Protein backbone atom coordinates (compact mmCIF):
# COMPACT_ATOMS: atom_id res chain seq x y z
CA UNK A 1 -0.02 -0.20 0.18
CA UNK A 2 1.12 3.58 -0.99
CA UNK A 3 1.96 5.97 1.83
CA UNK A 4 -0.20 8.98 2.07
CA UNK A 5 1.16 11.94 0.39
CA UNK A 6 2.95 14.40 2.75
CA UNK A 7 2.08 17.85 2.07
CA UNK A 8 4.46 20.20 4.28
CA UNK A 9 4.39 23.89 4.24
CA UNK A 10 7.60 25.53 4.84
CA UNK A 11 6.68 29.21 6.47
CA UNK A 12 7.94 32.00 8.50
CA UNK A 13 6.41 35.17 8.34
CA UNK A 14 10.00 36.92 8.64
CA UNK A 15 12.30 36.96 5.49
CA UNK A 16 15.80 35.75 5.08
CA UNK A 17 15.57 32.82 7.33
CA UNK A 18 16.40 30.02 5.35
CA UNK A 19 12.93 29.25 3.87
CA UNK A 20 13.20 28.90 0.46
CA UNK A 21 16.78 27.54 0.59
CA UNK A 22 14.94 24.82 2.81
CA UNK A 23 12.21 24.11 0.28
CA UNK A 24 14.80 23.77 -2.81
CA UNK A 25 17.26 21.44 -0.85
CA UNK A 26 14.60 19.87 0.94
CA UNK A 27 12.95 18.79 -2.28
CA UNK A 28 16.16 17.60 -3.95
CA UNK A 29 17.48 15.68 -1.05
CA UNK A 30 14.07 13.72 -0.98
CA UNK A 31 14.53 13.32 -4.86
CA UNK A 32 18.01 11.79 -3.98
CA UNK A 33 16.20 9.25 -1.74
CA UNK A 34 13.92 8.25 -4.76
CA UNK A 35 10.77 10.20 -3.58
CA UNK A 36 8.63 11.79 -5.81
CA UNK A 37 8.43 15.51 -5.30
CA UNK A 38 6.28 18.64 -6.05
CA UNK A 39 7.56 21.88 -5.35
CA UNK A 40 5.02 24.81 -4.85
CA UNK A 41 6.47 28.27 -5.44
CA UNK A 42 3.59 30.21 -3.50
CA UNK A 43 5.87 33.76 -3.10
CA UNK A 44 5.79 36.13 -5.64
CA UNK A 45 9.32 36.73 -5.59
CA UNK A 46 9.81 33.42 -7.17
CA UNK A 47 13.09 32.46 -5.57
CA UNK A 48 12.19 29.02 -5.43
CA UNK A 49 11.68 28.75 -8.96
CA UNK A 50 14.82 30.17 -9.84
CA UNK A 51 16.78 28.28 -7.21
CA UNK A 52 15.34 25.22 -9.04
CA UNK A 53 16.85 26.35 -12.45
CA UNK A 54 13.69 27.51 -13.74
CA UNK A 55 13.47 30.66 -15.81
CA UNK A 56 10.37 32.22 -13.72
CA UNK A 57 9.71 35.10 -16.18
CA UNK A 58 8.74 32.64 -19.09
CA UNK A 59 6.95 30.17 -16.57
CA UNK A 60 3.42 30.48 -18.24
CA UNK A 61 1.18 29.13 -16.74
CA UNK A 62 2.24 29.44 -13.34
CA UNK A 63 0.43 29.05 -9.70
CA UNK A 64 -1.00 32.48 -10.68
CA UNK A 65 -3.06 30.77 -13.05
CA UNK A 66 -3.63 27.65 -10.83
CA UNK A 67 -4.94 29.73 -7.95
CA UNK A 68 -7.44 31.78 -10.26
CA UNK A 69 -8.59 28.44 -11.82
CA UNK A 70 -7.22 29.50 -15.23
CA UNK A 71 -5.12 26.20 -15.52
CA UNK A 72 -4.46 22.79 -13.78
CA UNK A 73 -1.23 22.27 -11.60
CA UNK A 74 -0.74 19.39 -14.12
CA UNK A 75 -0.20 21.94 -16.93
CA UNK A 76 1.70 24.61 -14.80
CA UNK A 77 4.13 22.07 -13.54
CA UNK A 78 7.75 22.26 -14.87
CA UNK A 79 10.75 19.87 -14.42
CA UNK A 80 13.85 20.84 -12.08
CA UNK A 81 16.40 18.82 -14.29
CA UNK A 82 19.09 19.22 -11.66
CA UNK A 83 17.08 18.85 -8.84
CA UNK A 84 15.17 15.71 -9.80
CA UNK A 85 11.76 17.26 -8.58
CA UNK A 86 8.70 18.99 -10.26
CA UNK A 87 7.98 22.64 -9.51
CA UNK A 88 4.76 24.61 -9.83
CA UNK A 89 6.63 28.04 -10.46
CA UNK A 90 5.80 31.72 -9.44
CA UNK A 91 6.51 35.02 -10.65
CA UNK A 92 5.56 38.60 -10.16
CA UNK A 93 2.22 37.98 -11.38
CA UNK A 94 1.46 36.52 -8.34
CA UNK A 95 1.64 39.36 -6.31
CA UNK A 96 -1.50 40.84 -8.26
CA UNK A 97 -3.11 37.65 -7.98
CA UNK A 98 -3.52 37.71 -4.28
CA UNK A 99 -5.60 40.98 -4.80
CA UNK A 100 -7.79 39.24 -7.42
CA UNK A 101 -8.12 36.08 -4.99
CA UNK A 102 -10.31 38.21 -2.36
CA UNK A 103 -13.08 38.47 -4.67
CA UNK A 104 -13.35 34.58 -5.30
CA UNK A 105 -15.30 32.29 -3.62
CA UNK A 106 -13.67 29.84 -1.38
CA UNK A 107 -10.24 31.66 -1.84
CA UNK A 108 -8.59 30.34 1.28
CA UNK A 109 -9.38 26.80 -0.55
CA UNK A 110 -7.85 27.22 -3.93
CA UNK A 111 -4.88 25.39 -3.68
CA UNK A 112 -6.07 22.56 -1.83
CA UNK A 113 -8.84 21.95 -4.28
CA UNK A 114 -6.41 22.31 -7.28
CA UNK A 115 -3.66 19.80 -5.35
CA UNK A 116 -6.18 17.26 -5.18
CA UNK A 117 -5.58 16.55 -8.89
CA UNK A 118 -2.04 15.60 -8.68
CA UNK A 119 -1.10 14.73 -4.96
CA UNK A 120 -1.35 11.03 -5.27
CA UNK A 121 1.12 11.28 -7.81
CA UNK A 122 3.80 12.17 -5.42
CA UNK A 123 5.38 11.30 -2.19
CA UNK A 124 6.04 14.88 -0.66
CA UNK A 125 4.44 17.86 -2.10
CA UNK A 126 6.63 20.81 -0.43
CA UNK A 127 4.86 24.36 -0.54
CA UNK A 128 7.23 27.74 -0.19
CA UNK A 129 5.08 29.97 1.23
CA UNK A 130 5.87 33.78 0.99
CA UNK A 131 7.41 35.69 4.31
CA UNK A 132 4.10 36.85 5.38
CA UNK A 133 0.75 35.96 7.04
CA UNK A 134 -1.24 36.62 4.14
CA UNK A 135 -3.96 34.91 1.98
CA UNK A 136 -1.36 33.01 0.03
CA UNK A 137 0.17 31.57 3.03
CA UNK A 138 -3.33 31.04 4.30
CA UNK A 139 -3.67 28.59 0.98
CA UNK A 140 -0.49 27.01 1.58
CA UNK A 141 -1.49 26.16 5.15
CA UNK A 142 -4.78 24.91 4.01
CA UNK A 143 -3.45 22.60 1.26
CA UNK A 144 -1.02 21.29 3.63
CA UNK A 145 -0.99 18.61 6.39
CA UNK A 146 1.85 19.84 8.46
CA UNK A 147 3.98 22.97 8.80
CA UNK A 148 7.73 23.21 8.94
CA UNK A 149 8.74 26.80 10.54
CA UNK A 150 12.32 27.62 9.72
CA UNK A 151 14.14 30.09 11.92
CA UNK A 152 17.27 31.69 13.21
CA UNK A 153 17.93 31.64 16.71
CA UNK A 154 17.62 35.03 17.62
CA UNK A 155 15.72 37.02 20.02
CA UNK A 156 12.96 38.42 17.71
CA UNK A 157 12.32 35.19 16.35
CA UNK A 158 10.69 33.87 19.50
CA UNK A 159 8.48 36.97 19.25
CA UNK A 160 7.44 36.02 15.63
CA UNK A 161 6.95 32.21 16.48
CA UNK A 162 4.10 33.01 18.58
CA UNK A 163 2.45 34.72 16.16
CA UNK A 164 2.99 32.24 13.36
CA UNK A 165 1.68 29.31 16.13
CA UNK A 166 -1.41 31.30 16.72
CA UNK A 167 -2.33 31.64 12.69
CA UNK A 168 -1.82 27.86 12.44
CA UNK A 169 -4.06 27.53 15.42
CA UNK A 170 -6.63 29.62 13.49
CA UNK A 171 -6.27 27.72 10.47
CA UNK A 172 -6.83 24.59 12.09
CA UNK A 173 -9.91 25.55 13.64
CA UNK A 174 -11.62 27.43 10.59
CA UNK A 175 -10.23 25.60 7.55
CA UNK A 176 -7.99 22.45 8.10
CA UNK A 177 -8.41 20.61 11.13
CA UNK A 178 -5.52 18.27 10.51
CA UNK A 179 -3.12 20.83 10.22
CA UNK A 180 -0.19 20.04 12.28
CA UNK A 181 3.51 21.61 13.23
CA UNK A 182 5.84 19.07 11.65
CA UNK A 183 8.66 20.88 13.45
CA UNK A 184 10.91 23.90 13.93
CA UNK A 185 14.18 23.96 11.92
CA UNK A 186 17.23 25.86 13.19
CA UNK A 187 18.73 27.35 10.35
CA UNK A 188 21.88 29.64 9.61
CA UNK A 189 23.23 28.32 13.13
CA UNK A 190 26.42 29.52 14.48
CA UNK A 191 27.34 27.41 17.59
CA UNK A 192 29.99 30.17 18.53
CA UNK A 193 27.03 32.63 19.22
CA UNK A 194 26.08 32.29 22.88
CA UNK A 195 22.73 34.03 22.22
CA UNK A 196 22.23 31.42 19.57
CA UNK A 197 22.89 28.73 21.84
CA UNK A 198 20.57 30.18 24.13
CA UNK A 199 17.74 30.51 22.02
CA UNK A 200 18.07 27.38 20.78
CA UNK A 201 18.22 25.78 24.11
CA UNK A 202 14.85 27.70 24.85
CA UNK A 203 13.19 26.05 21.89
CA UNK A 204 14.04 22.39 22.82
CA UNK A 205 12.85 23.17 26.34
CA UNK A 206 9.46 24.44 25.06
CA UNK A 207 8.95 22.42 22.15
CA UNK A 208 10.50 19.05 22.82
CA UNK A 209 10.67 16.88 19.88
CA UNK A 210 8.84 19.33 17.58
CA UNK A 211 12.62 20.74 16.97
CA UNK A 212 14.51 18.88 14.45
CA UNK A 213 17.28 17.28 15.55
CA UNK A 214 18.98 18.45 12.40
CA UNK A 215 20.49 21.83 12.36
CA UNK A 216 21.32 23.92 9.36
CA UNK A 217 24.73 25.58 9.57
CA UNK A 218 25.62 29.05 8.30
CA UNK A 219 27.40 28.12 4.97
CA UNK A 220 28.56 29.96 1.77
CA UNK A 221 27.70 27.03 -0.29
CA UNK A 222 24.12 27.38 0.48
CA UNK A 223 24.17 31.07 -0.35
CA UNK A 224 26.13 30.47 -3.60
CA UNK A 225 24.00 27.88 -5.10
CA UNK A 226 21.06 29.94 -6.09
CA UNK A 227 22.97 31.87 -8.52
CA UNK A 228 23.64 28.86 -10.58
CA UNK A 229 19.83 27.73 -10.46
CA UNK A 230 20.98 24.61 -8.49
CA UNK A 231 20.18 23.01 -5.14
CA UNK A 232 23.18 22.84 -2.74
CA UNK A 233 23.09 19.23 -2.85
CA UNK A 234 23.63 19.37 -6.74
CA UNK A 235 26.02 22.62 -6.70
CA UNK A 236 28.42 21.10 -3.95
CA UNK A 237 27.26 17.81 -2.28
CA UNK A 238 30.03 17.50 -0.13
CA UNK A 239 29.61 20.95 1.81
CA UNK A 240 28.40 21.06 5.27
CA UNK A 241 25.03 22.71 4.20
CA UNK A 242 24.14 20.18 1.87
CA UNK A 243 24.75 17.27 4.12
CA UNK A 244 22.70 18.91 6.82
CA UNK A 245 19.59 18.91 4.20
CA UNK A 246 20.56 15.41 3.42
CA UNK A 247 19.95 14.67 7.30
CA UNK A 248 16.98 16.44 7.12
CA UNK A 249 15.44 14.51 4.39
CA UNK A 250 16.12 11.36 6.63
CA UNK A 251 14.56 12.94 9.44
CA UNK A 252 11.36 13.88 7.71
CA UNK A 253 11.10 10.51 5.90
CA UNK A 254 11.48 9.28 9.52
CA UNK A 255 8.38 10.91 10.56
CA UNK A 256 6.25 9.98 7.56
CA UNK A 257 7.28 6.25 7.87
């Protein structure tokens, strides 16, 4: 019997915390483990699209047309040749799409309904949410069965985490009763920083086994890879960042076993 598809939204309302890097490299790492993976880019910046080696400007249809009902996910899907996974791309049109969604019935459920067509074709669907608690993020949470929260271990991150957890609770009560926090992923981790260690300890104390054992280090190769349109696990498979994402994939697969 086939294991049910895991639909995992990757989120943080703060930008620059490794969310898109995680979406790309987790997708690629799961693919290396022979899993069928679909990455959905829900961020109008389209960074997950370009970081997967796809030209976002020529992506038509994109997730924008999918959300408005003008295209199926299957038609909009493109292949990340280097990453080994499929991508529903995003580009600047998505920013205007959020405004258009406000007028549409069941606007919070657009992605969930579209995803029903293809989700059984994949072992994992990874959704890269925008860095805001917006209607696009709500669509991601409503379509998902779990959320991965990426965060740096700094003081303000804990404050933002409370807001995000409250949003997840509201989505659970209103649109998606099965939505759970899959885990908290510590990114850009520098163990030499005492505050980093303190915040990390606080996370483990308050969230226990919801904190992934895997820690993503600060690593220049992770930062360089997107400019080549490559996941770090393809760009430099032996780098510390790439190895950490391979470990994360194994941990995620363990949660789904």
